[in-house]
Amino acid sequence: MFVLKHEYIKQGEVGYVPEEGYGGGNNSVLALKYIQWLEKKNPGLKLKYKLRGGEHCIDANGRKYY
């Protein structure tokens, strides 16, 4: 963020996030490994994630939340 702020964003510019958010639903490889590590550490823990049949999706107000 430091490099982005000081090298690419000019004084007075404001960041823009689309109203519907950014496309895609990519999962971080590091996050997936962390979830698998949590399950291995605690065998009674059963989480839903990409590699285990997908995340749970909730539709609310025309938007999807995972």
PDB file of N, CA and C in Angstrom:
ATOM      1  N   MET A   1       0.820  -1.174   0.000  1.00  0.00           N
ATOM      2  CA  MET A   1       0.000   0.000   0.000  1.00  0.00           C
ATOM      3  C   MET A   1       0.874   1.252   0.000  1.00  0.00           C
ATOM      4  N   PHE A   2       2.010   1.189   0.682  1.00  0.00           N
ATOM      5  CA  PHE A   2       2.905   2.343   0.732  1.00  0.00           C
ATOM      6  C   PHE A   2       3.372   2.719  -0.669  1.00  0.00           C
ATOM      7  N   VAL A   3       3.839   1.712  -1.428  1.00  0.00           N
ATOM      8  CA  VAL A   3       4.323   1.972  -2.789  1.00  0.00           C
ATOM      9  C   VAL A   3       3.181   2.472  -3.663  1.00  0.00           C
ATOM     10  N   LEU A   4       2.029   1.838  -3.578  1.00  0.00           N
ATOM     11  CA  LEU A   4       0.879   2.269  -4.352  1.00  0.00           C
ATOM     12  C   LEU A   4       0.543   3.725  -4.041  1.00  0.00           C
ATOM     13  N   LYS A   5       0.503   4.046  -2.774  1.00  0.00           N
ATOM     14  CA  LYS A   5       0.145   5.404  -2.345  1.00  0.00           C
ATOM     15  C   LYS A   5       1.154   6.430  -2.838  1.00  0.00           C
ATOM     16  N   HIS A   6       2.430   6.136  -2.702  1.00  0.00           N
ATOM     17  CA  HIS A   6       3.452   7.134  -3.001  1.00  0.00           C
ATOM     18  C   HIS A   6       3.931   7.144  -4.450  1.00  0.00           C
ATOM     19  N   GLU A   7       3.748   6.050  -5.175  1.00  0.00           N
ATOM     20  CA  GLU A   7       4.246   5.983  -6.545  1.00  0.00           C
ATOM     21  C   GLU A   7       3.158   6.151  -7.607  1.00  0.00           C
ATOM     22  N   TYR A   8       1.929   5.744  -7.302  1.00  0.00           N
ATOM     23  CA  TYR A   8       0.910   5.706  -8.342  1.00  0.00           C
ATOM     24  C   TYR A   8      -0.283   6.626  -8.107  1.00  0.00           C
ATOM     25  N   ILE A   9      -0.598   6.946  -6.877  1.00  0.00           N
ATOM     26  CA  ILE A   9      -1.745   7.800  -6.589  1.00  0.00           C
ATOM     27  C   ILE A   9      -1.254   9.226  -6.397  1.00  0.00           C
ATOM     28  N   LYS A  10      -1.768  10.125  -7.240  1.00  0.00           N
ATOM     29  CA  LYS A  10      -1.346  11.520  -7.177  1.00  0.00           C
ATOM     30  C   LYS A  10      -2.114  12.262  -6.082  1.00  0.00           C
ATOM     31  N   GLN A  11      -1.556  13.361  -5.637  1.00  0.00           N
ATOM     32  CA  GLN A  11      -2.180  14.201  -4.612  1.00  0.00           C
ATOM     33  C   GLN A  11      -3.587  14.602  -5.053  1.00  0.00           C
ATOM     34  N   GLY A  12      -4.574  14.395  -4.211  1.00  0.00           N
ATOM     35  CA  GLY A  12      -5.950  14.783  -4.498  1.00  0.00           C
ATOM     36  C   GLY A  12      -6.778  13.712  -5.184  1.00  0.00           C
ATOM     37  N   GLU A  13      -6.177  12.609  -5.616  1.00  0.00           N
ATOM     38  CA  GLU A  13      -6.942  11.533  -6.239  1.00  0.00           C
ATOM     39  C   GLU A  13      -7.631  10.697  -5.168  1.00  0.00           C
ATOM     40  N   VAL A  14      -8.791  10.179  -5.515  1.00  0.00           N
ATOM     41  CA  VAL A  14      -9.567   9.362  -4.590  1.00  0.00           C
ATOM     42  C   VAL A  14      -9.775   8.003  -5.241  1.00  0.00           C
ATOM     43  N   GLY A  15      -9.625   6.943  -4.461  1.00  0.00           N
ATOM     44  CA  GLY A  15      -9.835   5.602  -4.989  1.00  0.00           C
ATOM     45  C   GLY A  15     -11.284   5.364  -5.351  1.00  0.00           C
ATOM     46  N   TYR A  16     -11.527   4.455  -6.271  1.00  0.00           N
ATOM     47  CA  TYR A  16     -12.877   4.144  -6.739  1.00  0.00           C
ATOM     48  C   TYR A  16     -13.127   2.651  -6.591  1.00  0.00           C
ATOM     49  N   VAL A  17     -14.218   2.300  -5.921  1.00  0.00           N
ATOM     50  CA  VAL A  17     -14.649   0.910  -5.809  1.00  0.00           C
ATOM     51  C   VAL A  17     -16.015   0.835  -6.476  1.00  0.00           C
ATOM     52  N   PRO A  18     -16.197  -0.041  -7.469  1.00  0.00           N
ATOM     53  CA  PRO A  18     -17.494  -0.153  -8.140  1.00  0.00           C
ATOM     54  C   PRO A  18     -18.612  -0.458  -7.148  1.00  0.00           C
ATOM     55  N   GLU A  19     -19.808   0.061  -7.442  1.00  0.00           N
ATOM     56  CA  GLU A  19     -20.950  -0.117  -6.546  1.00  0.00           C
ATOM     57  C   GLU A  19     -21.250  -1.580  -6.284  1.00  0.00           C
ATOM     58  N   GLU A  20     -21.088  -2.426  -7.284  1.00  0.00           N
ATOM     59  CA  GLU A  20     -21.353  -3.858  -7.133  1.00  0.00           C
ATOM     60  C   GLU A  20     -20.110  -4.629  -6.708  1.00  0.00           C
ATOM     61  N   GLY A  21     -19.034  -3.937  -6.369  1.00  0.00           N
ATOM     62  CA  GLY A  21     -17.800  -4.592  -5.977  1.00  0.00           C
ATOM     63  C   GLY A  21     -17.039  -5.079  -7.194  1.00  0.00           C
ATOM     64  N   TYR A  22     -15.916  -5.677  -6.970  1.00  0.00           N
ATOM     65  CA  TYR A  22     -15.101  -6.203  -8.057  1.00  0.00           C
ATOM     66  C   TYR A  22     -15.553  -7.605  -8.388  1.00  0.00           C
ATOM     67  N   GLY A  23     -15.471  -7.982  -9.643  1.00  0.00           N
ATOM     68  CA  GLY A  23     -15.917  -9.293 -10.100  1.00  0.00           C
ATOM     69  C   GLY A  23     -15.027 -10.419  -9.590  1.00  0.00           C
ATOM     70  N   GLY A  24     -15.497 -11.616  -9.829  1.00  0.00           N
ATOM     71  CA  GLY A  24     -14.715 -12.786  -9.449  1.00  0.00           C
ATOM     72  C   GLY A  24     -14.942 -13.198  -8.014  1.00  0.00           C
ATOM     73  N   GLY A  25     -14.574 -14.404  -7.725  1.00  0.00           N
ATOM     74  CA  GLY A  25     -14.701 -14.919  -6.371  1.00  0.00           C
ATOM     75  C   GLY A  25     -13.476 -15.737  -6.036  1.00  0.00           C
ATOM     76  N   ASN A  26     -12.348 -15.232  -6.444  1.00  0.00           N
ATOM     77  CA  ASN A  26     -11.111 -15.975  -6.246  1.00  0.00           C
ATOM     78  C   ASN A  26     -10.774 -16.103  -4.762  1.00  0.00           C
ATOM     79  N   ASN A  27     -10.322 -17.266  -4.414  1.00  0.00           N
ATOM     80  CA  ASN A  27      -9.909 -17.516  -3.039  1.00  0.00           C
ATOM     81  C   ASN A  27      -8.390 -17.490  -2.966  1.00  0.00           C
ATOM     82  N   SER A  28      -7.881 -16.905  -1.932  1.00  0.00           N
ATOM     83  CA  SER A  28      -6.450 -16.857  -1.717  1.00  0.00           C
ATOM     84  C   SER A  28      -5.927 -18.254  -1.399  1.00  0.00           C
ATOM     85  N   VAL A  29      -4.838 -18.646  -2.046  1.00  0.00           N
ATOM     86  CA  VAL A  29      -4.224 -19.946  -1.777  1.00  0.00           C
ATOM     87  C   VAL A  29      -3.785 -20.016  -0.319  1.00  0.00           C
ATOM     88  N   LEU A  30      -3.238 -18.929   0.183  1.00  0.00           N
ATOM     89  CA  LEU A  30      -2.812 -18.878   1.581  1.00  0.00           C
ATOM     90  C   LEU A  30      -4.005 -19.056   2.520  1.00  0.00           C
ATOM     91  N   ALA A  31      -5.134 -18.433   2.194  1.00  0.00           N
ATOM     92  CA  ALA A  31      -6.325 -18.564   3.033  1.00  0.00           C
ATOM     93  C   ALA A  31      -6.835 -20.008   3.036  1.00  0.00           C
ATOM     94  N   LEU A  32      -6.825 -20.656   1.866  1.00  0.00           N
ATOM     95  CA  LEU A  32      -7.270 -22.052   1.790  1.00  0.00           C
ATOM     96  C   LEU A  32      -6.355 -22.966   2.609  1.00  0.00           C
ATOM     97  N   LYS A  33      -5.054 -22.734   2.528  1.00  0.00           N
ATOM     98  CA  LYS A  33      -4.114 -23.538   3.318  1.00  0.00           C
ATOM     99  C   LYS A  33      -4.328 -23.311   4.809  1.00  0.00           C
ATOM    100  N   TYR A  34      -4.624 -22.074   5.198  1.00  0.00           N
ATOM    101  CA  TYR A  34      -4.876 -21.759   6.606  1.00  0.00           C
ATOM    102  C   TYR A  34      -6.123 -22.496   7.108  1.00  0.00           C
ATOM    103  N   ILE A  35      -7.178 -22.503   6.297  1.00  0.00           N
ATOM    104  CA  ILE A  35      -8.414 -23.204   6.689  1.00  0.00           C
ATOM    105  C   ILE A  35      -8.146 -24.696   6.841  1.00  0.00           C
ATOM    106  N   GLN A  36      -7.376 -25.270   5.908  1.00  0.00           N
ATOM    107  CA  GLN A  36      -7.042 -26.695   6.007  1.00  0.00           C
ATOM    108  C   GLN A  36      -6.194 -26.968   7.244  1.00  0.00           C
ATOM    109  N   TRP A  37      -5.292 -26.074   7.568  1.00  0.00           N
ATOM    110  CA  TRP A  37      -4.473 -26.225   8.768  1.00  0.00           C
ATOM    111  C   TRP A  37      -5.342 -26.174  10.017  1.00  0.00           C
ATOM    112  N   LEU A  38      -6.326 -25.252  10.050  1.00  0.00           N
ATOM    113  CA  LEU A  38      -7.243 -25.171  11.198  1.00  0.00           C
ATOM    114  C   LEU A  38      -7.994 -26.481  11.388  1.00  0.00           C
ATOM    115  N   GLU A  39      -8.473 -27.062  10.289  1.00  0.00           N
ATOM    116  CA  GLU A  39      -9.209 -28.322  10.388  1.00  0.00           C
ATOM    117  C   GLU A  39      -8.304 -29.467  10.842  1.00  0.00           C
ATOM    118  N   LYS A  40      -7.068 -29.454  10.380  1.00  0.00           N
ATOM    119  CA  LYS A  40      -6.135 -30.518  10.793  1.00  0.00           C
ATOM    120  C   LYS A  40      -5.803 -30.384  12.282  1.00  0.00           C
ATOM    121  N   LYS A  41      -5.668 -29.157  12.745  1.00  0.00           N
ATOM    122  CA  LYS A  41      -5.354 -28.890  14.148  1.00  0.00           C
ATOM    123  C   LYS A  41      -6.521 -29.271  15.061  1.00  0.00           C
ATOM    124  N   ASN A  42      -7.747 -29.067  14.580  1.00  0.00           N
ATOM    125  CA  ASN A  42      -8.947 -29.361  15.356  1.00  0.00           C
ATOM    126  C   ASN A  42      -9.852 -30.259  14.508  1.00  0.00           C
ATOM    127  N   PRO A  43      -9.710 -31.598  14.595  1.00  0.00           N
ATOM    128  CA  PRO A  43     -10.467 -32.525  13.746  1.00  0.00           C
ATOM    129  C   PRO A  43     -11.987 -32.401  13.857  1.00  0.00           C
ATOM    130  N   GLY A  44     -12.498 -31.880  14.941  1.00  0.00           N
ATOM    131  CA  GLY A  44     -13.943 -31.717  15.100  1.00  0.00           C
ATOM    132  C   GLY A  44     -14.492 -30.529  14.324  1.00  0.00           C
ATOM    133  N   LEU A  45     -13.627 -29.691  13.808  1.00  0.00           N
ATOM    134  CA  LEU A  45     -14.022 -28.484  13.081  1.00  0.00           C
ATOM    135  C   LEU A  45     -14.266 -28.838  11.615  1.00  0.00           C
ATOM    136  N   LYS A  46     -15.455 -28.593  11.116  1.00  0.00           N
ATOM    137  CA  LYS A  46     -15.799 -28.856   9.716  1.00  0.00           C
ATOM    138  C   LYS A  46     -16.272 -27.551   9.092  1.00  0.00           C
ATOM    139  N   LEU A  47     -15.415 -26.950   8.271  1.00  0.00           N
ATOM    140  CA  LEU A  47     -15.724 -25.681   7.621  1.00  0.00           C
ATOM    141  C   LEU A  47     -16.101 -25.907   6.165  1.00  0.00           C
ATOM    142  N   LYS A  48     -16.956 -25.024   5.622  1.00  0.00           N
ATOM    143  CA  LYS A  48     -17.291 -25.067   4.201  1.00  0.00           C
ATOM    144  C   LYS A  48     -16.403 -24.071   3.490  1.00  0.00           C
ATOM    145  N   TYR A  49     -15.705 -24.538   2.465  1.00  0.00           N
ATOM    146  CA  TYR A  49     -14.861 -23.658   1.674  1.00  0.00           C
ATOM    147  C   TYR A  49     -14.736 -24.236   0.276  1.00  0.00           C
ATOM    148  N   LYS A  50     -14.047 -23.540  -0.580  1.00  0.00           N
ATOM    149  CA  LYS A  50     -13.970 -23.881  -1.999  1.00  0.00           C
ATOM    150  C   LYS A  50     -13.643 -25.342  -2.264  1.00  0.00           C
ATOM    151  N   LEU A  51     -12.672 -25.884  -1.574  1.00  0.00           N
ATOM    152  CA  LEU A  51     -12.225 -27.247  -1.848  1.00  0.00           C
ATOM    153  C   LEU A  51     -13.100 -28.310  -1.195  1.00  0.00           C
ATOM    154  N   ARG A  52     -14.080 -27.908  -0.427  1.00  0.00           N
ATOM    155  CA  ARG A  52     -14.968 -28.852   0.261  1.00  0.00           C
ATOM    156  C   ARG A  52     -16.415 -28.583  -0.151  1.00  0.00           C
ATOM    157  N   GLY A  53     -16.651 -28.512  -1.439  1.00  0.00           N
ATOM    158  CA  GLY A  53     -18.019 -28.365  -1.936  1.00  0.00           C
ATOM    159  C   GLY A  53     -18.499 -26.931  -2.053  1.00  0.00           C
ATOM    160  N   GLY A  54     -17.674 -25.966  -1.819  1.00  0.00           N
ATOM    161  CA  GLY A  54     -18.063 -24.568  -1.986  1.00  0.00           C
ATOM    162  C   GLY A  54     -18.552 -23.911  -0.724  1.00  0.00           C
ATOM    163  N   GLU A  55     -18.556 -22.605  -0.779  1.00  0.00           N
ATOM    164  CA  GLU A  55     -18.983 -21.816   0.362  1.00  0.00           C
ATOM    165  C   GLU A  55     -20.499 -21.696   0.384  1.00  0.00           C
ATOM    166  N   HIS A  56     -21.044 -21.347   1.519  1.00  0.00           N
ATOM    167  CA  HIS A  56     -22.474 -21.106   1.649  1.00  0.00           C
ATOM    168  C   HIS A  56     -22.763 -19.708   1.128  1.00  0.00           C
ATOM    169  N   CYS A  57     -23.775 -19.572   0.300  1.00  0.00           N
ATOM    170  CA  CYS A  57     -24.111 -18.284  -0.303  1.00  0.00           C
ATOM    171  C   CYS A  57     -25.452 -17.799   0.240  1.00  0.00           C
ATOM    172  N   ILE A  58     -25.510 -16.536   0.605  1.00  0.00           N
ATOM    173  CA  ILE A  58     -26.751 -15.919   1.090  1.00  0.00           C
ATOM    174  C   ILE A  58     -27.111 -14.799   0.131  1.00  0.00           C
ATOM    175  N   ASP A  59     -28.335 -14.835  -0.420  1.00  0.00           N
ATOM    176  CA  ASP A  59     -28.827 -13.756  -1.271  1.00  0.00           C
ATOM    177  C   ASP A  59     -29.605 -12.784  -0.397  1.00  0.00           C
ATOM    178  N   ALA A  60     -29.186 -11.524  -0.411  1.00  0.00           N
ATOM    179  CA  ALA A  60     -29.879 -10.509   0.384  1.00  0.00           C
ATOM    180  C   ALA A  60     -29.860  -9.188  -0.373  1.00  0.00           C
ATOM    181  N   ASN A  61     -31.014  -8.624  -0.565  1.00  0.00           N
ATOM    182  CA  ASN A  61     -31.152  -7.336  -1.239  1.00  0.00           C
ATOM    183  C   ASN A  61     -30.492  -7.322  -2.616  1.00  0.00           C
ATOM    184  N   GLY A  62     -30.623  -8.421  -3.344  1.00  0.00           N
ATOM    185  CA  GLY A  62     -30.081  -8.501  -4.685  1.00  0.00           C
ATOM    186  C   GLY A  62     -28.579  -8.707  -4.752  1.00  0.00           C
ATOM    187  N   ARG A  63     -27.936  -8.939  -3.628  1.00  0.00           N
ATOM    188  CA  ARG A  63     -26.480  -9.171  -3.606  1.00  0.00           C
ATOM    189  C   ARG A  63     -26.209 -10.554  -3.017  1.00  0.00           C
ATOM    190  N   LYS A  64     -25.064 -11.112  -3.352  1.00  0.00           N
ATOM    191  CA  LYS A  64     -24.675 -12.413  -2.838  1.00  0.00           C
ATOM    192  C   LYS A  64     -23.536 -12.249  -1.834  1.00  0.00           C
ATOM    193  N   TYR A  65     -23.672 -12.923  -0.713  1.00  0.00           N
ATOM    194  CA  TYR A  65     -22.645 -12.903   0.328  1.00  0.00           C
ATOM    195  C   TYR A  65     -22.192 -14.326   0.594  1.00  0.00           C
ATOM    196  N   TYR A  66     -20.883 -14.541   0.687  1.00  0.00           N
ATOM    197  CA  TYR A  66     -20.334 -15.876   0.916  1.00  0.00           C
ATOM    198  C   TYR A  66     -19.734 -15.966   2.302  1.00  0.00           C
TER     199      TYR A  66
END
